[in-house]
C-alpha atoms as a PDB file:
ATOM      1  CA  PRO A   1     -51.150 -95.830 -69.435  1.00  0.00           C
ATOM      2  CA  GLU A   2     -54.810 -95.489 -69.784  1.00  0.00           C
ATOM      3  CA  PRO A   3     -56.096 -98.077 -67.226  1.00  0.00           C
ATOM      4  CA  LEU A   4     -53.112 -97.538 -65.054  1.00  0.00           C
ATOM      5  CA  LYS A   5     -54.014 -93.637 -64.819  1.00  0.00           C
ATOM      6  CA  SER A   6     -57.382 -94.949 -63.617  1.00  0.00           C
ATOM      7  CA  GLN A   7     -55.885 -96.626 -60.984  1.00  0.00           C
ATOM      8  CA  SER A   8     -53.551 -93.604 -59.786  1.00  0.00           C
ATOM      9  CA  PRO A   9     -54.651 -90.922 -56.698  1.00  0.00           C
ATOM     10  CA  PHE A  10     -54.584 -88.204 -59.420  1.00  0.00           C
ATOM     11  CA  GLY A  11     -55.425 -90.067 -62.490  1.00  0.00           C
ATOM     12  CA  GLN A  12     -51.650 -89.427 -63.757  1.00  0.00           C
ATOM     13  CA  LEU A  13     -48.199 -91.520 -63.882  1.00  0.00           C
ATOM     14  CA  PRO A  14     -46.137 -92.396 -62.016  1.00  0.00           C
ATOM     15  CA  PHE A  15     -47.515 -94.069 -59.081  1.00  0.00           C
ATOM     16  CA  LEU A  16     -46.509 -96.102 -56.369  1.00  0.00           C
ATOM     17  CA  VAL A  17     -48.471 -99.056 -54.564  1.00  0.00           C
ATOM     18  CA  ASP A  18     -46.919-100.342 -51.019  1.00  0.00           C
ATOM     19  CA  GLY A  19     -49.359-102.607 -50.004  1.00  0.00           C
ATOM     20  CA  ASP A  20     -53.039-101.247 -50.013  1.00  0.00           C
ATOM     21  CA  LEU A  21     -51.312 -97.361 -50.294  1.00  0.00           C
ATOM     22  CA  ARG A  22     -51.491 -95.555 -53.512  1.00  0.00           C
ATOM     23  CA  ILE A  23     -48.912 -92.818 -54.086  1.00  0.00           C
ATOM     24  CA  GLY A  24     -48.792 -90.479 -56.500  1.00  0.00           C
ATOM     25  CA  GLN A  25     -46.396 -87.579 -57.130  1.00  0.00           C
ATOM     26  CA  SER A  26     -42.725 -88.389 -57.595  1.00  0.00           C
ATOM     27  CA  LEU A  27     -41.624 -86.344 -55.520  1.00  0.00           C
ATOM     28  CA  ALA A  28     -43.765 -87.887 -52.719  1.00  0.00           C
ATOM     29  CA  ILE A  29     -42.959 -91.279 -53.825  1.00  0.00           C
ATOM     30  CA  ALA A  30     -39.421 -90.289 -53.407  1.00  0.00           C
ATOM     31  CA  ARG A  31     -39.669 -88.944 -50.153  1.00  0.00           C
ATOM     32  CA  TYR A  32     -41.724 -91.863 -48.876  1.00  0.00           C
ATOM     33  CA  LEU A  33     -39.344 -94.341 -50.122  1.00  0.00           C
ATOM     34  CA  ALA A  34     -36.546 -92.105 -48.916  1.00  0.00           C
ATOM     35  CA  ARG A  35     -38.211 -92.409 -45.382  1.00  0.00           C
ATOM     36  CA  LYS A  36     -38.245 -96.096 -45.523  1.00  0.00           C
ATOM     37  CA  VAL A  37     -34.579 -96.841 -46.101  1.00  0.00           C
ATOM     38  CA  GLY A  38     -33.783 -94.112 -43.974  1.00  0.00           C
ATOM     39  CA  ILE A  39     -31.632 -91.742 -46.008  1.00  0.00           C
ATOM     40  CA  LEU A  40     -33.663 -88.500 -45.245  1.00  0.00           C
ATOM     41  CA  GLY A  41     -30.881 -87.196 -43.200  1.00  0.00           C
ATOM     42  CA  ASP A  42     -30.121 -88.383 -39.536  1.00  0.00           C
ATOM     43  CA  SER A  43     -30.505 -85.449 -37.839  1.00  0.00           C
ATOM     44  CA  ASP A  44     -33.114 -82.067 -38.399  1.00  0.00           C
ATOM     45  CA  ALA A  45     -30.042 -80.357 -39.941  1.00  0.00           C
ATOM     46  CA  GLU A  46     -29.496 -82.767 -42.448  1.00  0.00           C
ATOM     47  CA  TYR A  47     -33.273 -83.442 -43.277  1.00  0.00           C
ATOM     48  CA  GLY A  48     -33.435 -79.472 -43.949  1.00  0.00           C
ATOM     49  CA  GLN A  49     -29.680 -80.183 -46.022  1.00  0.00           C
ATOM     50  CA  SER A  50     -31.583 -82.873 -48.030  1.00  0.00           C
ATOM     51  CA  GLU A  51     -34.785 -81.126 -48.748  1.00  0.00           C
ATOM     52  CA  GLN A  52     -33.508 -77.744 -49.692  1.00  0.00           C
ATOM     53  CA  ILE A  53     -30.925 -80.166 -52.240  1.00  0.00           C
ATOM     54  CA  THR A  54     -34.187 -82.041 -53.214  1.00  0.00           C
ATOM     55  CA  GLN A  55     -36.240 -78.905 -54.222  1.00  0.00           C
ATOM     56  CA  GLU A  56     -32.973 -77.359 -56.066  1.00  0.00           C
ATOM     57  CA  MET A  57     -32.954 -80.221 -58.604  1.00  0.00           C
ATOM     58  CA  GLU A  58     -36.931 -79.270 -58.887  1.00  0.00           C
ATOM     59  CA  ASP A  59     -35.576 -75.956 -59.284  1.00  0.00           C
ATOM     60  CA  ILE A  60     -33.200 -77.184 -62.362  1.00  0.00           C
ATOM     61  CA  TYR A  61     -35.536 -79.180 -63.498  1.00  0.00           C
ATOM     62  CA  MET A  62     -38.351 -77.030 -64.118  1.00  0.00           C
ATOM     63  CA  GLY A  63     -35.386 -74.885 -65.826  1.00  0.00           C
ATOM     64  CA  ILE A  64     -35.096 -77.655 -68.658  1.00  0.00           C
ATOM     65  CA  ALA A  65     -38.878 -77.668 -69.204  1.00  0.00           C
ATOM     66  CA  LYS A  66     -39.087 -74.294 -69.213  1.00  0.00           C
ATOM     67  CA  ALA A  67     -35.970 -74.478 -71.917  1.00  0.00           C
ATOM     68  CA  GLN A  68     -37.834 -77.367 -73.704  1.00  0.00           C
ATOM     69  CA  ASN A  69     -40.479 -75.566 -74.261  1.00  0.00           C
ATOM     70  CA  SER A  70     -39.313 -72.274 -75.636  1.00  0.00           C
ATOM     71  CA  PRO A  71     -40.225 -71.099 -79.162  1.00  0.00           C
ATOM     72  CA  ASP A  72     -36.431 -70.749 -79.375  1.00  0.00           C
ATOM     73  CA  LYS A  73     -35.244 -73.786 -78.088  1.00  0.00           C
ATOM     74  CA  ALA A  74     -31.143 -72.266 -79.007  1.00  0.00           C
ATOM     75  CA  ALA A  75     -31.940 -69.292 -76.783  1.00  0.00           C
ATOM     76  CA  GLY A  76     -34.045 -71.399 -73.483  1.00  0.00           C
ATOM     77  CA  TYR A  77     -31.106 -73.498 -73.500  1.00  0.00           C
ATOM     78  CA  ALA A  78     -28.960 -70.512 -73.170  1.00  0.00           C
ATOM     79  CA  GLU A  79     -30.556 -69.139 -71.041  1.00  0.00           C
ATOM     80  CA  PHE A  80     -30.913 -72.538 -69.050  1.00  0.00           C
ATOM     81  CA  PHE A  81     -27.071 -73.069 -68.648  1.00  0.00           C
ATOM     82  CA  GLN A  82     -26.050 -69.729 -67.748  1.00  0.00           C
ATOM     83  CA  LYS A  83     -28.611 -69.899 -64.732  1.00  0.00           C
ATOM     84  CA  LEU A  84     -27.087 -73.454 -64.539  1.00  0.00           C
ATOM     85  CA  ASN A  85     -24.160 -72.009 -63.269  1.00  0.00           C
ATOM     86  CA  ILE A  86     -25.555 -70.107 -60.331  1.00  0.00           C
ATOM     87  CA  HIS A  87     -27.090 -73.110 -59.516  1.00  0.00           C
ATOM     88  CA  LEU A  88     -24.365 -75.046 -59.251  1.00  0.00           C
ATOM     89  CA  THR A  89     -22.251 -72.099 -57.756  1.00  0.00           C
ATOM     90  CA  ASN A  90     -24.775 -72.181 -54.691  1.00  0.00           C
ATOM     91  CA  LEU A  91     -24.898 -76.227 -54.276  1.00  0.00           C
ATOM     92  CA  GLN A  92     -20.739 -75.988 -54.342  1.00  0.00           C
ATOM     93  CA  LYS A  93     -21.096 -73.419 -51.210  1.00  0.00           C
ATOM     94  CA  LEU A  94     -23.292 -76.017 -49.538  1.00  0.00           C
ATOM     95  CA  LEU A  95     -20.845 -79.324 -49.902  1.00  0.00           C
ATOM     96  CA  LYS A  96     -18.879 -80.586 -47.105  1.00  0.00           C
ATOM     97  CA  GLY A  97     -15.650 -81.699 -48.663  1.00  0.00           C
ATOM     98  CA  ASP A  98     -17.542 -84.537 -51.415  1.00  0.00           C
ATOM     99  CA  ARG A  99     -20.515 -84.494 -49.440  1.00  0.00           C
ATOM    100  CA  PHE A 100     -23.546 -82.421 -48.580  1.00  0.00           C
ATOM    101  CA  THR A 101     -24.564 -84.500 -45.450  1.00  0.00           C
ATOM    102  CA  SER A 102     -22.651 -86.923 -43.098  1.00  0.00           C
ATOM    103  CA  LYS A 103     -24.350 -89.671 -45.517  1.00  0.00           C
ATOM    104  CA  LEU A 104     -26.253 -90.466 -48.671  1.00  0.00           C
ATOM    105  CA  THR A 105     -29.484 -88.693 -48.795  1.00  0.00           C
ATOM    106  CA  LEU A 106     -32.524 -88.622 -50.921  1.00  0.00           C
ATOM    107  CA  GLY A 107     -30.809 -84.814 -51.658  1.00  0.00           C
ATOM    108  CA  GLU A 108     -27.670 -86.080 -52.953  1.00  0.00           C
ATOM    109  CA  LEU A 109     -29.951 -88.708 -54.857  1.00  0.00           C
ATOM    110  CA  ALA A 110     -31.926 -85.782 -56.500  1.00  0.00           C
ATOM    111  CA  ILE A 111     -29.045 -83.537 -57.647  1.00  0.00           C
ATOM    112  CA  PHE A 112     -27.431 -86.552 -59.362  1.00  0.00           C
ATOM    113  CA  SER A 113     -30.391 -87.739 -61.320  1.00  0.00           C
ATOM    114  CA  ILE A 114     -30.933 -84.026 -62.528  1.00  0.00           C
ATOM    115  CA  PHE A 115     -26.972 -83.664 -63.358  1.00  0.00           C
ATOM    116  CA  ASN A 116     -27.386 -87.484 -64.673  1.00  0.00           C
ATOM    117  CA  ILE A 117     -30.168 -85.741 -67.075  1.00  0.00           C
ATOM    118  CA  ILE A 118     -28.413 -82.888 -68.002  1.00  0.00           C
ATOM    119  CA  ALA A 119     -25.605 -85.113 -69.224  1.00  0.00           C
ATOM    120  CA  ASP A 120     -27.072 -86.900 -71.648  1.00  0.00           C
ATOM    121  CA  PHE A 121     -28.151 -83.797 -73.170  1.00  0.00           C
ATOM    122  CA  LYS A 122     -28.456 -84.563 -77.142  1.00  0.00           C
ATOM    123  CA  PRO A 123     -28.589 -81.446 -79.592  1.00  0.00           C
ATOM    124  CA  ASP A 124     -31.280 -81.212 -81.682  1.00  0.00           C
END
Protein backbone atom coordinates (compact mmCIF):
# COMPACT_ATOMS: atom_id res chain seq x y z
CA PRO A 1 0.00 0.00 0.00
CA GLU A 2 2.79 2.53 0.69
CA PRO A 3 3.85 2.83 -2.98
CA LEU A 4 0.19 3.37 -3.90
CA LYS A 5 -0.35 5.93 -1.16
CA SER A 6 2.48 8.03 -2.52
CA GLN A 7 0.61 8.26 -5.84
CA SER A 8 -2.69 9.38 -4.30
CA PRO A 9 -3.76 13.03 -3.94
CA PHE A 10 -3.88 12.89 -0.12
CA GLY A 11 -1.39 10.10 0.59
CA GLN A 12 -4.12 7.64 1.53
CA LEU A 13 -6.36 4.99 0.04
CA PRO A 14 -8.69 4.68 -1.75
CA PHE A 15 -8.03 6.69 -4.85
CA LEU A 16 -9.19 6.40 -8.43
CA VAL A 17 -7.19 6.91 -11.60
CA ASP A 18 -9.22 7.83 -14.67
CA GLY A 19 -6.88 8.84 -17.46
CA ASP A 20 -4.75 11.71 -16.15
CA LEU A 21 -7.14 12.37 -13.27
CA ARG A 22 -6.48 11.08 -9.76
CA ILE A 23 -9.29 11.37 -7.25
CA GLY A 24 -8.98 10.65 -3.54
CA GLN A 25 -11.65 10.35 -0.84
CA SER A 26 -14.23 7.58 -1.11
CA LEU A 27 -17.32 9.78 -1.38
CA ALA A 28 -15.66 12.01 -3.98
CA ILE A 29 -14.87 8.88 -5.99
CA ALA A 30 -18.46 7.67 -5.62
CA ARG A 31 -19.88 11.02 -6.73
CA TYR A 32 -17.48 11.24 -9.67
CA LEU A 33 -18.43 7.77 -10.90
CA ALA A 34 -22.13 8.41 -10.27
CA ARG A 35 -21.94 11.52 -12.42
CA LYS A 36 -20.16 9.59 -15.19
CA VAL A 37 -22.86 6.90 -15.29
CA GLY A 38 -25.81 9.25 -14.74
CA ILE A 39 -27.13 8.17 -11.34
CA LEU A 40 -27.12 11.50 -9.50
CA GLY A 41 -30.82 12.06 -10.23
CA ASP A 42 -32.77 13.38 -13.20
CA SER A 43 -33.76 16.65 -11.53
CA ASP A 44 -32.45 19.01 -8.88
CA ALA A 45 -34.96 17.50 -6.45
CA GLU A 46 -33.74 13.95 -7.14
CA TYR A 47 -30.13 15.11 -6.87
CA GLY A 48 -30.88 16.68 -3.48
CA GLN A 49 -32.68 13.56 -2.31
CA SER A 50 -29.78 11.36 -3.42
CA GLU A 51 -27.25 13.61 -1.71
CA GLN A 52 -29.08 13.65 1.60
CA ILE A 53 -29.39 9.87 1.57
CA THR A 54 -25.67 9.60 0.77
CA GLN A 55 -24.92 11.83 3.75
CA GLU A 56 -27.26 9.75 5.93
CA MET A 57 -25.14 6.74 5.01
CA GLU A 58 -22.08 8.66 6.19
CA ASP A 59 -23.80 9.45 9.51
CA ILE A 60 -24.63 5.77 10.00
CA TYR A 61 -21.08 4.79 9.09
CA MET A 62 -19.70 7.24 11.66
CA GLY A 63 -22.01 5.67 14.26
CA ILE A 64 -20.48 2.28 13.49
CA ALA A 65 -16.96 3.73 13.81
CA LYS A 66 -17.85 5.31 17.15
CA ALA A 67 -19.25 2.01 18.45
CA GLN A 68 -16.26 0.03 17.18
CA ASN A 69 -13.82 2.38 18.90
CA SER A 70 -15.78 2.63 22.13
CA PRO A 71 -13.97 1.42 25.27
CA ASP A 72 -17.08 -0.67 25.99
CA LYS A 73 -17.99 -2.09 22.58
CA ALA A 74 -21.14 -3.80 23.82
CA ALA A 75 -22.49 -0.50 25.15
CA GLY A 76 -21.26 1.32 22.06
CA TYR A 77 -23.10 -1.03 19.73
CA ALA A 78 -26.22 -1.01 21.90
CA GLU A 79 -26.29 2.78 21.54
CA PHE A 80 -25.61 2.52 17.80
CA PHE A 81 -28.50 0.13 17.20
CA GLN A 82 -30.83 2.27 19.29
CA LYS A 83 -29.93 5.30 17.14
CA LEU A 84 -30.17 3.19 13.98
CA ASN A 85 -33.91 2.86 14.60
CA ILE A 86 -34.20 6.65 14.34
CA HIS A 87 -32.27 6.61 11.06
CA LEU A 88 -34.55 3.87 9.71
CA THR A 89 -37.69 5.77 10.69
CA ASN A 90 -36.44 8.91 8.97
CA LEU A 91 -35.41 7.02 5.83
CA GLN A 92 -38.79 5.30 5.70
CA LYS A 93 -40.50 8.71 5.65
CA LEU A 94 -38.54 9.58 2.50
CA LEU A 95 -39.60 6.48 0.58
CA LYS A 96 -42.00 6.84 -2.33
CA GLY A 97 -43.24 3.29 -2.63
CA ASP A 98 -40.14 1.12 -2.78
CA ARG A 99 -37.77 3.88 -3.95
CA PHE A 100 -36.48 7.24 -2.83
CA THR A 101 -36.53 8.71 -6.35
CA SER A 102 -37.83 7.70 -9.77
CA LYS A 103 -34.73 5.64 -10.59
CA LEU A 104 -31.57 4.25 -9.03
CA THR A 105 -29.31 6.94 -7.57
CA LEU A 106 -26.03 7.11 -5.73
CA GLY A 107 -27.97 7.70 -2.51
CA GLU A 108 -29.79 4.41 -2.84
CA LEU A 109 -26.54 2.57 -3.55
CA ALA A 110 -24.90 4.26 -0.58
CA ILE A 111 -27.67 3.38 1.85
CA PHE A 112 -27.78 -0.19 0.51
CA SER A 113 -24.04 -0.53 1.04
CA ILE A 114 -24.15 0.56 4.69
CA PHE A 115 -27.03 -1.80 5.45
CA ASN A 116 -25.13 -4.58 3.72
CA ILE A 117 -22.21 -3.89 6.07
CA ILE A 118 -24.55 -3.93 9.07
CA ALA A 119 -26.10 -7.21 7.94
CA ASP A 120 -22.63 -8.78 7.86
CA PHE A 121 -21.79 -7.80 11.46
CA LYS A 122 -20.46 -10.67 13.51
CA PRO A 123 -20.47 -10.52 17.30
CA ASP A 124 -16.98 -10.43 18.80
